[in-house]
């Protein structure tokens, strides 16, 4: 009898979107997302959706993309500790992180008026497509809500990958692009699942 092959899962996290999840959780539930619980949840949910035994579903790679301040700016904004603590969580869960420096926009008086995360979305999309092409993932999980990734999903499907869009909107901001939801093979909205299963809150969040 032939052995059944494992099904590989590639997970790609939009760090800006993940930060919005955390902001919403902090505002509504005084908690943060539990990264370890979230990564465990993905194959468990796939088992329920696809009928594949849990032991055959393996996250073979997980990548995280975000802009961040240079060390002096992060220190002055008192962000160094929280950034390092989150990086510890990424390392502990075998998540490969990718950063580009943020650039502040200042007016003529030197007042900061905004922040630019130049190139992060493009980097996210190019890496995701390239890794899906060469790693031949059976499932690609995108944790994002950005409408710009609609074409990425279309290209991933052309590689015959099953693309799962995983979103989480604890603050009810409706920030996920409808086009993104429609393009994905499967859309999982955690906020809706939490309404049906209250135990998910304990599993996927942690108190501040």
N, C-alpha and C. Protein backbone atom coordinates (compact mmCIF):
# COMPACT_ATOMS: atom_id res chain seq x y z
N UNK A 1 0.85 -1.19 0.00
CA UNK A 1 0.00 0.00 0.00
C UNK A 1 0.89 1.26 0.00
N UNK A 2 0.68 2.17 -0.92
CA UNK A 2 1.49 3.37 -1.03
C UNK A 2 1.21 4.32 0.14
N UNK A 3 2.29 4.91 0.64
CA UNK A 3 2.15 5.88 1.72
C UNK A 3 1.62 7.20 1.16
N UNK A 4 0.70 7.80 1.88
CA UNK A 4 0.17 9.09 1.47
C UNK A 4 1.20 10.18 1.76
N UNK A 5 1.37 11.09 0.82
CA UNK A 5 2.36 12.15 0.99
C UNK A 5 1.81 13.27 1.88
N UNK A 6 2.75 13.93 2.58
CA UNK A 6 2.38 15.11 3.35
C UNK A 6 1.98 16.24 2.41
N UNK A 7 1.14 17.11 2.89
CA UNK A 7 0.72 18.29 2.15
C UNK A 7 1.43 19.51 2.74
N UNK A 8 2.19 20.22 1.91
CA UNK A 8 2.98 21.35 2.42
C UNK A 8 2.17 22.65 2.40
N UNK A 9 2.41 23.45 3.42
CA UNK A 9 1.73 24.74 3.57
C UNK A 9 2.78 25.83 3.67
N UNK A 10 2.66 26.85 2.84
CA UNK A 10 3.50 28.04 2.95
C UNK A 10 2.65 29.17 3.50
N UNK A 11 3.13 29.81 4.56
CA UNK A 11 2.38 30.90 5.20
C UNK A 11 3.14 32.21 5.00
N UNK A 12 2.42 33.24 4.56
CA UNK A 12 3.04 34.53 4.29
C UNK A 12 2.23 35.62 4.99
N UNK A 13 2.90 36.34 5.90
CA UNK A 13 2.22 37.30 6.77
C UNK A 13 2.60 38.73 6.40
N UNK A 14 1.60 39.51 6.09
CA UNK A 14 1.75 40.96 5.86
C UNK A 14 1.85 41.60 7.25
N UNK A 15 3.06 42.05 7.62
CA UNK A 15 3.27 42.57 8.96
C UNK A 15 2.45 43.80 9.29
N UNK A 16 2.20 44.66 8.30
CA UNK A 16 1.35 45.82 8.53
C UNK A 16 -0.07 45.41 8.87
N UNK A 17 -0.56 44.39 8.18
CA UNK A 17 -1.91 43.89 8.45
C UNK A 17 -1.95 43.21 9.83
N UNK A 18 -0.91 42.46 10.15
CA UNK A 18 -0.83 41.79 11.46
C UNK A 18 -0.86 42.83 12.58
N UNK A 19 -0.18 43.96 12.37
CA UNK A 19 -0.18 45.03 13.36
C UNK A 19 -1.59 45.59 13.56
N UNK A 20 -2.36 45.67 12.48
CA UNK A 20 -3.74 46.15 12.59
C UNK A 20 -4.61 45.16 13.38
N UNK A 21 -4.34 43.86 13.20
CA UNK A 21 -5.05 42.86 13.99
C UNK A 21 -4.78 43.09 15.47
N UNK A 22 -3.50 43.28 15.81
CA UNK A 22 -3.12 43.50 17.20
C UNK A 22 -3.75 44.78 17.76
N UNK A 23 -3.78 45.83 16.94
CA UNK A 23 -4.39 47.09 17.39
C UNK A 23 -5.88 46.89 17.67
N UNK A 24 -6.55 46.14 16.79
CA UNK A 24 -7.97 45.87 16.99
C UNK A 24 -8.22 45.03 18.22
N UNK A 25 -7.39 44.02 18.44
CA UNK A 25 -7.54 43.17 19.63
C UNK A 25 -7.30 43.96 20.90
N UNK A 26 -6.31 44.84 20.86
CA UNK A 26 -6.01 45.65 22.04
C UNK A 26 -7.17 46.60 22.35
N UNK A 27 -7.75 47.16 21.30
CA UNK A 27 -8.85 48.10 21.48
C UNK A 27 -10.12 47.42 21.99
N UNK A 28 -10.44 46.26 21.42
CA UNK A 28 -11.72 45.61 21.71
C UNK A 28 -11.63 44.60 22.86
N UNK A 29 -10.51 43.88 22.94
CA UNK A 29 -10.42 42.76 23.88
C UNK A 29 -9.26 42.86 24.86
N UNK A 30 -8.50 43.96 24.81
CA UNK A 30 -7.33 44.12 25.68
C UNK A 30 -6.41 42.90 25.60
N UNK A 31 -6.11 42.49 24.38
CA UNK A 31 -5.26 41.32 24.17
C UNK A 31 -4.45 41.49 22.89
N UNK A 32 -3.57 40.52 22.65
CA UNK A 32 -2.78 40.48 21.42
C UNK A 32 -3.00 39.14 20.74
N UNK A 33 -2.65 39.06 19.46
CA UNK A 33 -2.72 37.79 18.75
C UNK A 33 -1.66 36.84 19.29
N UNK A 34 -2.01 35.59 19.41
CA UNK A 34 -1.09 34.54 19.85
C UNK A 34 -0.53 33.88 18.59
N UNK A 35 0.70 34.23 18.23
CA UNK A 35 1.28 33.74 16.99
C UNK A 35 1.37 32.21 16.96
N UNK A 36 1.79 31.63 18.06
CA UNK A 36 1.91 30.18 18.13
C UNK A 36 0.55 29.51 17.92
N UNK A 37 -0.48 30.05 18.57
CA UNK A 37 -1.83 29.51 18.41
C UNK A 37 -2.34 29.67 17.00
N UNK A 38 -2.01 30.80 16.37
CA UNK A 38 -2.46 31.06 15.00
C UNK A 38 -1.85 30.07 14.02
N UNK A 39 -0.55 29.79 14.18
CA UNK A 39 0.12 28.85 13.28
C UNK A 39 -0.33 27.41 13.51
N UNK A 40 -0.75 27.11 14.72
CA UNK A 40 -1.32 25.78 14.98
C UNK A 40 -2.73 25.66 14.43
N UNK A 41 -3.45 26.79 14.45
CA UNK A 41 -4.83 26.82 13.98
C UNK A 41 -4.93 26.52 12.48
N UNK A 42 -3.96 26.98 11.70
CA UNK A 42 -4.03 26.85 10.24
C UNK A 42 -4.17 25.40 9.79
N UNK A 43 -3.28 24.48 10.18
CA UNK A 43 -3.47 23.08 9.74
C UNK A 43 -4.71 22.43 10.36
N UNK A 44 -5.06 22.84 11.57
CA UNK A 44 -6.27 22.30 12.18
C UNK A 44 -7.51 22.67 11.37
N UNK A 45 -7.58 23.92 10.93
CA UNK A 45 -8.73 24.37 10.14
C UNK A 45 -8.72 23.70 8.77
N UNK A 46 -7.53 23.53 8.20
CA UNK A 46 -7.43 22.85 6.91
C UNK A 46 -7.90 21.41 7.01
N UNK A 47 -7.59 20.76 8.10
CA UNK A 47 -8.05 19.38 8.30
C UNK A 47 -9.57 19.33 8.24
N UNK A 48 -10.23 20.29 8.90
CA UNK A 48 -11.69 20.34 8.92
C UNK A 48 -12.26 20.66 7.54
N UNK A 49 -11.60 21.55 6.81
CA UNK A 49 -12.11 21.97 5.50
C UNK A 49 -11.85 20.95 4.39
N UNK A 50 -10.66 20.34 4.42
CA UNK A 50 -10.23 19.49 3.32
C UNK A 50 -10.32 17.99 3.61
N UNK A 51 -10.54 17.65 4.88
CA UNK A 51 -10.63 16.23 5.23
C UNK A 51 -9.30 15.51 5.19
N UNK A 52 -8.20 16.27 5.27
CA UNK A 52 -6.86 15.68 5.27
C UNK A 52 -6.41 15.50 6.72
N UNK A 53 -5.90 14.33 7.09
CA UNK A 53 -5.45 14.13 8.48
C UNK A 53 -4.44 15.19 8.91
N UNK A 54 -4.60 15.67 10.13
CA UNK A 54 -3.74 16.73 10.65
C UNK A 54 -2.25 16.40 10.52
N UNK A 55 -1.88 15.16 10.76
CA UNK A 55 -0.46 14.80 10.76
C UNK A 55 0.16 14.88 9.36
N UNK A 56 -0.68 14.98 8.32
CA UNK A 56 -0.17 15.10 6.95
C UNK A 56 -0.09 16.53 6.48
N UNK A 57 -0.55 17.47 7.30
CA UNK A 57 -0.53 18.89 6.93
C UNK A 57 0.63 19.56 7.66
N UNK A 58 1.60 20.05 6.90
CA UNK A 58 2.83 20.57 7.49
C UNK A 58 3.12 21.98 6.98
N UNK A 59 3.28 22.93 7.92
CA UNK A 59 3.75 24.26 7.53
C UNK A 59 5.25 24.14 7.30
N UNK A 60 5.66 24.16 6.05
CA UNK A 60 7.07 23.97 5.73
C UNK A 60 7.85 25.28 5.74
N UNK A 61 7.15 26.40 5.54
CA UNK A 61 7.80 27.71 5.61
C UNK A 61 6.79 28.76 6.05
N UNK A 62 7.28 29.73 6.84
CA UNK A 62 6.44 30.86 7.22
C UNK A 62 7.29 32.12 7.16
N UNK A 63 6.78 33.14 6.47
CA UNK A 63 7.53 34.37 6.26
C UNK A 63 6.71 35.58 6.72
N UNK A 64 7.41 36.56 7.27
CA UNK A 64 6.77 37.76 7.83
C UNK A 64 7.47 38.99 7.25
N UNK A 65 6.69 39.94 6.71
CA UNK A 65 7.23 41.12 6.04
C UNK A 65 6.70 42.40 6.70
N UNK A 66 7.62 43.30 7.04
CA UNK A 66 7.17 44.54 7.69
C UNK A 66 8.23 45.64 7.57
N UNK A 67 7.78 46.86 7.60
CA UNK A 67 8.68 48.00 7.72
C UNK A 67 8.92 48.29 9.18
N UNK A 68 10.14 48.78 9.51
CA UNK A 68 10.39 49.15 10.90
C UNK A 68 11.36 50.32 10.96
N UNK A 69 11.34 51.01 12.11
CA UNK A 69 12.18 52.18 12.29
C UNK A 69 13.64 51.78 12.47
N UNK A 70 14.54 52.68 12.10
CA UNK A 70 15.95 52.52 12.42
C UNK A 70 16.11 52.56 13.94
N UNK A 71 17.21 52.01 14.44
CA UNK A 71 17.36 51.79 15.88
C UNK A 71 17.22 53.08 16.70
N UNK A 72 17.78 54.19 16.24
CA UNK A 72 17.68 55.42 17.02
C UNK A 72 16.25 55.94 17.09
N UNK A 73 15.54 55.83 15.96
CA UNK A 73 14.14 56.26 15.94
C UNK A 73 13.28 55.35 16.82
N UNK A 74 13.53 54.03 16.73
CA UNK A 74 12.77 53.08 17.55
C UNK A 74 13.02 53.33 19.03
N UNK A 75 14.27 53.66 19.38
CA UNK A 75 14.62 53.92 20.77
C UNK A 75 13.91 55.17 21.28
N UNK A 76 13.91 56.22 20.47
CA UNK A 76 13.27 57.48 20.89
C UNK A 76 11.76 57.33 21.02
N UNK A 77 11.19 56.40 20.24
CA UNK A 77 9.74 56.16 20.30
C UNK A 77 9.38 55.06 21.30
N UNK A 78 10.43 54.56 22.02
CA UNK A 78 10.24 53.50 23.02
C UNK A 78 9.60 52.23 22.43
N UNK A 79 10.12 51.85 21.25
CA UNK A 79 9.61 50.67 20.55
C UNK A 79 10.56 49.48 20.58
N UNK A 80 11.80 49.70 21.04
CA UNK A 80 12.80 48.64 20.93
C UNK A 80 12.41 47.38 21.69
N UNK A 81 11.90 47.53 22.91
CA UNK A 81 11.56 46.35 23.71
C UNK A 81 10.44 45.55 23.06
N UNK A 82 9.36 46.23 22.63
CA UNK A 82 8.23 45.51 22.04
C UNK A 82 8.61 44.86 20.73
N UNK A 83 9.48 45.53 19.94
CA UNK A 83 9.92 44.93 18.68
C UNK A 83 10.76 43.69 18.94
N UNK A 84 11.68 43.77 19.90
CA UNK A 84 12.54 42.62 20.21
C UNK A 84 11.71 41.46 20.77
N UNK A 85 10.74 41.78 21.59
CA UNK A 85 9.87 40.74 22.17
C UNK A 85 9.10 40.02 21.08
N UNK A 86 8.60 40.78 20.10
CA UNK A 86 7.86 40.15 19.01
C UNK A 86 8.79 39.32 18.13
N UNK A 87 10.00 39.82 17.91
CA UNK A 87 10.97 39.04 17.14
C UNK A 87 11.29 37.72 17.83
N UNK A 88 11.34 37.73 19.16
CA UNK A 88 11.55 36.47 19.90
C UNK A 88 10.44 35.48 19.57
N UNK A 89 9.19 35.98 19.49
CA UNK A 89 8.06 35.10 19.16
C UNK A 89 8.20 34.55 17.74
N UNK A 90 8.66 35.40 16.81
CA UNK A 90 8.87 34.94 15.43
C UNK A 90 9.93 33.84 15.39
N UNK A 91 11.03 34.05 16.09
CA UNK A 91 12.12 33.07 16.10
C UNK A 91 11.67 31.76 16.74
N UNK A 92 10.96 31.86 17.86
CA UNK A 92 10.50 30.66 18.57
C UNK A 92 9.54 29.82 17.73
N UNK A 93 8.87 30.47 16.79
CA UNK A 93 7.91 29.75 15.94
C UNK A 93 8.44 29.51 14.52
N UNK A 94 9.77 29.63 14.36
CA UNK A 94 10.44 29.35 13.08
C UNK A 94 9.90 30.21 11.94
N UNK A 95 9.55 31.43 12.24
CA UNK A 95 9.08 32.37 11.22
C UNK A 95 10.28 33.17 10.72
N UNK A 96 10.45 33.22 9.40
CA UNK A 96 11.54 33.98 8.80
C UNK A 96 11.05 35.42 8.60
N UNK A 97 11.75 36.38 9.21
CA UNK A 97 11.26 37.76 9.10
C UNK A 97 12.10 38.58 8.14
N UNK A 98 11.41 39.49 7.44
CA UNK A 98 12.01 40.34 6.42
C UNK A 98 11.60 41.79 6.71
N UNK A 99 12.59 42.66 6.87
CA UNK A 99 12.30 44.05 7.21
C UNK A 99 12.92 45.02 6.19
N UNK A 100 12.24 46.14 6.01
CA UNK A 100 12.81 47.28 5.31
C UNK A 100 12.61 48.49 6.22
N UNK A 101 13.54 49.43 6.14
CA UNK A 101 13.43 50.61 7.00
C UNK A 101 12.26 51.50 6.59
N UNK A 102 11.56 51.98 7.60
CA UNK A 102 10.52 52.98 7.38
C UNK A 102 11.18 54.34 7.14
N UNK A 103 10.49 55.16 6.36
CA UNK A 103 10.99 56.53 6.14
C UNK A 103 9.91 57.52 6.53
N UNK A 104 10.26 58.41 7.44
CA UNK A 104 9.30 59.42 7.89
C UNK A 104 9.22 60.58 6.90
N UNK A 105 8.01 61.08 6.72
CA UNK A 105 7.79 62.26 5.88
C UNK A 105 7.66 63.47 6.81
N UNK A 106 8.45 64.51 6.55
CA UNK A 106 8.42 65.70 7.40
C UNK A 106 8.07 66.93 6.59
N UNK A 107 7.39 67.85 7.24
CA UNK A 107 7.07 69.11 6.56
C UNK A 107 8.27 70.06 6.66
N UNK A 108 8.13 71.27 6.15
CA UNK A 108 9.25 72.22 6.11
C UNK A 108 9.73 72.63 7.49
N UNK A 109 8.87 72.41 8.50
CA UNK A 109 9.25 72.75 9.87
C UNK A 109 9.85 71.57 10.63
N UNK A 110 9.99 70.44 9.92
CA UNK A 110 10.56 69.26 10.56
C UNK A 110 9.57 68.39 11.30
N UNK A 111 8.29 68.72 11.22
CA UNK A 111 7.26 67.93 11.90
C UNK A 111 6.92 66.70 11.06
N UNK A 112 6.85 65.54 11.72
CA UNK A 112 6.53 64.29 11.02
C UNK A 112 5.06 64.28 10.64
N UNK A 113 4.78 64.08 9.35
CA UNK A 113 3.40 64.08 8.86
C UNK A 113 2.94 62.71 8.38
N UNK A 114 3.87 61.77 8.28
CA UNK A 114 3.50 60.43 7.83
C UNK A 114 4.71 59.51 7.78
N UNK A 115 4.45 58.26 7.44
CA UNK A 115 5.50 57.24 7.37
C UNK A 115 5.33 56.46 6.07
N UNK A 116 6.43 56.18 5.37
CA UNK A 116 6.38 55.42 4.12
C UNK A 116 6.97 54.03 4.33
N UNK A 117 6.24 53.01 3.90
CA UNK A 117 6.74 51.63 3.89
C UNK A 117 7.00 51.25 2.44
N UNK A 118 7.99 51.87 1.84
CA UNK A 118 8.21 51.72 0.41
C UNK A 118 8.74 50.33 0.05
N UNK A 119 8.04 49.66 -0.86
CA UNK A 119 8.53 48.40 -1.41
C UNK A 119 8.14 47.14 -0.67
N UNK A 120 7.52 47.27 0.50
CA UNK A 120 7.20 46.08 1.29
C UNK A 120 6.18 45.19 0.57
N UNK A 121 5.12 45.79 0.06
CA UNK A 121 4.07 44.99 -0.60
C UNK A 121 4.61 44.27 -1.83
N UNK A 122 5.47 44.97 -2.59
CA UNK A 122 6.06 44.35 -3.78
C UNK A 122 6.97 43.19 -3.39
N UNK A 123 7.78 43.40 -2.36
CA UNK A 123 8.67 42.35 -1.86
C UNK A 123 7.87 41.13 -1.40
N UNK A 124 6.81 41.39 -0.65
CA UNK A 124 5.91 40.33 -0.17
C UNK A 124 5.39 39.50 -1.35
N UNK A 125 4.88 40.19 -2.38
CA UNK A 125 4.29 39.50 -3.52
C UNK A 125 5.32 38.71 -4.32
N UNK A 126 6.47 39.34 -4.58
CA UNK A 126 7.50 38.67 -5.38
C UNK A 126 8.04 37.43 -4.67
N UNK A 127 8.33 37.56 -3.38
CA UNK A 127 8.84 36.42 -2.62
C UNK A 127 7.82 35.29 -2.55
N UNK A 128 6.56 35.66 -2.31
CA UNK A 128 5.51 34.65 -2.20
C UNK A 128 5.39 33.86 -3.50
N UNK A 129 5.36 34.57 -4.62
CA UNK A 129 5.24 33.89 -5.91
C UNK A 129 6.46 33.02 -6.18
N UNK A 130 7.65 33.57 -5.96
CA UNK A 130 8.88 32.83 -6.25
C UNK A 130 8.99 31.56 -5.39
N UNK A 131 8.69 31.69 -4.10
CA UNK A 131 8.78 30.54 -3.22
C UNK A 131 7.71 29.50 -3.55
N UNK A 132 6.52 29.96 -3.91
CA UNK A 132 5.47 29.02 -4.31
C UNK A 132 5.88 28.27 -5.58
N UNK A 133 6.57 28.96 -6.48
CA UNK A 133 7.02 28.35 -7.72
C UNK A 133 8.06 27.26 -7.46
N UNK A 134 9.04 27.55 -6.62
CA UNK A 134 10.15 26.62 -6.41
C UNK A 134 9.90 25.60 -5.30
N UNK A 135 9.08 25.94 -4.32
CA UNK A 135 8.81 25.01 -3.23
C UNK A 135 7.62 24.10 -3.53
N UNK A 136 6.80 24.52 -4.50
CA UNK A 136 5.64 23.72 -4.90
C UNK A 136 4.71 23.43 -3.73
N UNK A 137 4.33 24.50 -3.00
CA UNK A 137 3.40 24.34 -1.88
C UNK A 137 2.07 23.80 -2.38
N UNK A 138 1.46 22.94 -1.58
CA UNK A 138 0.09 22.51 -1.88
C UNK A 138 -0.90 23.59 -1.49
N UNK A 139 -0.61 24.28 -0.39
CA UNK A 139 -1.47 25.36 0.09
C UNK A 139 -0.60 26.58 0.38
N UNK A 140 -1.09 27.74 -0.05
CA UNK A 140 -0.44 29.01 0.29
C UNK A 140 -1.43 29.83 1.11
N UNK A 141 -1.03 30.16 2.32
CA UNK A 141 -1.89 30.95 3.21
C UNK A 141 -1.37 32.38 3.26
N UNK A 142 -2.22 33.31 2.89
CA UNK A 142 -1.87 34.73 2.91
C UNK A 142 -2.62 35.40 4.06
N UNK A 143 -1.89 36.00 4.98
CA UNK A 143 -2.51 36.76 6.07
C UNK A 143 -2.37 38.23 5.71
N UNK A 144 -3.38 38.75 5.06
CA UNK A 144 -3.35 40.12 4.55
C UNK A 144 -4.77 40.54 4.19
N UNK A 145 -4.95 41.83 3.96
CA UNK A 145 -6.24 42.32 3.50
C UNK A 145 -6.09 43.30 2.35
N UNK A 146 -4.87 43.41 1.85
CA UNK A 146 -4.51 44.42 0.85
C UNK A 146 -5.03 44.06 -0.54
N UNK A 147 -5.79 44.96 -1.13
CA UNK A 147 -6.36 44.74 -2.46
C UNK A 147 -5.29 44.55 -3.52
N UNK A 148 -4.09 45.11 -3.29
CA UNK A 148 -3.01 45.01 -4.26
C UNK A 148 -2.56 43.56 -4.49
N UNK A 149 -2.92 42.67 -3.59
CA UNK A 149 -2.49 41.28 -3.71
C UNK A 149 -3.48 40.40 -4.49
N UNK A 150 -4.48 41.02 -5.09
CA UNK A 150 -5.44 40.27 -5.90
C UNK A 150 -4.74 39.53 -7.04
N UNK A 151 -3.85 40.22 -7.74
CA UNK A 151 -3.14 39.59 -8.85
C UNK A 151 -2.18 38.52 -8.37
N UNK A 152 -1.62 38.70 -7.18
CA UNK A 152 -0.75 37.67 -6.60
C UNK A 152 -1.54 36.37 -6.44
N UNK A 153 -2.73 36.47 -5.92
CA UNK A 153 -3.56 35.27 -5.73
C UNK A 153 -3.85 34.60 -7.08
N UNK A 154 -4.14 35.41 -8.07
CA UNK A 154 -4.43 34.87 -9.39
C UNK A 154 -3.22 34.12 -9.96
N UNK A 155 -2.03 34.69 -9.76
CA UNK A 155 -0.81 34.06 -10.24
C UNK A 155 -0.51 32.77 -9.47
N UNK A 156 -0.76 32.78 -8.18
CA UNK A 156 -0.54 31.58 -7.37
C UNK A 156 -1.47 30.45 -7.79
N UNK A 157 -2.68 30.80 -8.13
CA UNK A 157 -3.63 29.77 -8.59
C UNK A 157 -3.19 29.19 -9.92
N UNK A 158 -2.52 30.00 -10.75
CA UNK A 158 -2.00 29.50 -12.02
C UNK A 158 -0.91 28.45 -11.80
N UNK A 159 -0.28 28.50 -10.62
CA UNK A 159 0.71 27.48 -10.25
C UNK A 159 0.04 26.24 -9.66
N UNK A 160 -1.29 26.26 -9.63
CA UNK A 160 -2.10 25.18 -9.08
C UNK A 160 -1.98 25.05 -7.57
N UNK A 161 -1.65 26.16 -6.91
CA UNK A 161 -1.64 26.18 -5.45
C UNK A 161 -3.05 26.54 -4.97
N UNK A 162 -3.46 25.92 -3.88
CA UNK A 162 -4.74 26.27 -3.25
C UNK A 162 -4.45 27.47 -2.34
N UNK A 163 -5.00 28.62 -2.69
CA UNK A 163 -4.69 29.85 -1.97
C UNK A 163 -5.76 30.13 -0.91
N UNK A 164 -5.30 30.25 0.33
CA UNK A 164 -6.19 30.53 1.45
C UNK A 164 -5.92 31.94 1.95
N UNK A 165 -6.94 32.76 1.95
CA UNK A 165 -6.83 34.11 2.52
C UNK A 165 -7.33 34.04 3.95
N UNK A 166 -6.45 34.33 4.90
CA UNK A 166 -6.83 34.30 6.31
C UNK A 166 -6.87 35.73 6.82
N UNK A 167 -8.04 36.17 7.27
CA UNK A 167 -8.20 37.54 7.75
C UNK A 167 -8.75 37.53 9.16
N UNK A 168 -8.59 38.68 9.81
CA UNK A 168 -9.04 38.80 11.20
C UNK A 168 -9.35 40.27 11.43
N UNK A 169 -10.60 40.56 11.73
CA UNK A 169 -11.04 41.95 11.86
C UNK A 169 -11.73 42.15 13.20
N UNK A 170 -10.96 42.11 14.30
CA UNK A 170 -11.59 42.19 15.63
C UNK A 170 -12.29 43.51 15.90
N UNK A 171 -11.85 44.59 15.25
CA UNK A 171 -12.45 45.90 15.49
C UNK A 171 -13.60 46.20 14.54
N UNK A 172 -13.90 45.28 13.61
CA UNK A 172 -15.02 45.48 12.69
C UNK A 172 -14.81 46.61 11.71
N UNK A 173 -13.58 46.76 11.19
CA UNK A 173 -13.28 47.87 10.28
C UNK A 173 -13.55 47.55 8.81
N UNK A 174 -13.86 46.29 8.51
CA UNK A 174 -14.09 45.86 7.12
C UNK A 174 -12.92 46.25 6.22
N UNK A 175 -11.70 45.99 6.69
CA UNK A 175 -10.51 46.43 5.98
C UNK A 175 -10.05 45.47 4.88
N UNK A 176 -10.70 44.32 4.77
CA UNK A 176 -10.29 43.36 3.75
C UNK A 176 -10.96 43.68 2.42
N UNK A 177 -10.18 43.70 1.37
CA UNK A 177 -10.70 43.99 0.03
C UNK A 177 -11.67 42.89 -0.42
N UNK A 178 -12.89 43.25 -0.87
CA UNK A 178 -13.83 42.24 -1.39
C UNK A 178 -13.24 41.47 -2.57
N UNK A 179 -12.47 42.16 -3.43
CA UNK A 179 -11.87 41.49 -4.58
C UNK A 179 -10.89 40.41 -4.13
N UNK A 180 -10.21 40.67 -3.03
CA UNK A 180 -9.25 39.71 -2.49
C UNK A 180 -9.99 38.46 -2.00
N UNK A 181 -11.09 38.68 -1.30
CA UNK A 181 -11.88 37.55 -0.78
C UNK A 181 -12.42 36.70 -1.93
N UNK A 182 -12.90 37.34 -2.97
CA UNK A 182 -13.49 36.61 -4.09
C UNK A 182 -12.45 35.84 -4.89
N UNK A 183 -11.23 36.36 -4.96
CA UNK A 183 -10.18 35.73 -5.77
C UNK A 183 -9.60 34.50 -5.09
N UNK A 184 -9.56 34.50 -3.76
CA UNK A 184 -8.97 33.37 -3.02
C UNK A 184 -9.79 32.10 -3.20
N UNK A 185 -9.10 30.97 -3.18
CA UNK A 185 -9.81 29.68 -3.25
C UNK A 185 -10.66 29.48 -2.00
N UNK A 186 -10.10 29.85 -0.85
CA UNK A 186 -10.79 29.73 0.43
C UNK A 186 -10.53 30.98 1.24
N UNK A 187 -11.58 31.51 1.86
CA UNK A 187 -11.42 32.67 2.75
C UNK A 187 -11.81 32.26 4.16
N UNK A 188 -10.92 32.51 5.11
CA UNK A 188 -11.19 32.22 6.51
C UNK A 188 -11.15 33.55 7.27
N UNK A 189 -12.26 33.93 7.87
CA UNK A 189 -12.34 35.14 8.69
C UNK A 189 -12.45 34.72 10.15
N UNK A 190 -11.40 34.95 10.91
CA UNK A 190 -11.34 34.46 12.28
C UNK A 190 -12.41 35.10 13.17
N UNK A 191 -12.71 36.37 12.95
CA UNK A 191 -13.72 37.03 13.79
C UNK A 191 -15.06 36.31 13.73
N UNK A 192 -15.44 35.86 12.54
CA UNK A 192 -16.70 35.13 12.39
C UNK A 192 -16.64 33.78 13.08
N UNK A 193 -15.48 33.12 12.96
CA UNK A 193 -15.33 31.82 13.62
C UNK A 193 -15.41 31.95 15.13
N UNK A 194 -14.89 33.07 15.67
CA UNK A 194 -14.93 33.29 17.11
C UNK A 194 -16.36 33.49 17.62
N UNK A 195 -17.22 34.03 16.76
CA UNK A 195 -18.62 34.19 17.15
C UNK A 195 -19.29 32.83 17.35
N UNK A 196 -18.82 31.85 16.57
CA UNK A 196 -19.40 30.51 16.64
C UNK A 196 -18.71 29.63 17.68
N UNK A 197 -17.43 29.91 17.94
CA UNK A 197 -16.66 29.09 18.86
C UNK A 197 -15.89 30.01 19.81
N UNK A 198 -16.43 30.22 21.00
CA UNK A 198 -15.83 31.13 21.97
C UNK A 198 -14.48 30.65 22.47
N UNK A 199 -14.22 29.34 22.39
CA UNK A 199 -12.93 28.81 22.84
C UNK A 199 -11.77 29.30 21.98
N UNK A 200 -12.07 29.70 20.76
CA UNK A 200 -11.02 30.19 19.87
C UNK A 200 -10.35 31.44 20.44
N UNK A 201 -11.10 32.22 21.19
CA UNK A 201 -10.53 33.44 21.76
C UNK A 201 -9.35 33.11 22.67
N UNK A 202 -9.52 32.09 23.52
CA UNK A 202 -8.44 31.71 24.43
C UNK A 202 -7.26 31.12 23.67
N UNK A 203 -7.55 30.46 22.58
CA UNK A 203 -6.53 29.76 21.80
C UNK A 203 -5.71 30.70 20.93
N UNK A 204 -6.36 31.74 20.39
CA UNK A 204 -5.72 32.59 19.41
C UNK A 204 -5.28 33.94 19.94
N UNK A 205 -5.56 34.23 21.20
CA UNK A 205 -5.16 35.51 21.77
C UNK A 205 -4.45 35.29 23.10
N UNK A 206 -3.78 36.35 23.54
CA UNK A 206 -3.17 36.34 24.85
C UNK A 206 -3.37 37.72 25.48
N UNK A 207 -3.58 37.75 26.77
CA UNK A 207 -3.82 39.01 27.46
C UNK A 207 -2.58 39.89 27.46
N UNK A 208 -2.79 41.19 27.42
CA UNK A 208 -1.67 42.13 27.44
C UNK A 208 -1.01 42.08 28.82
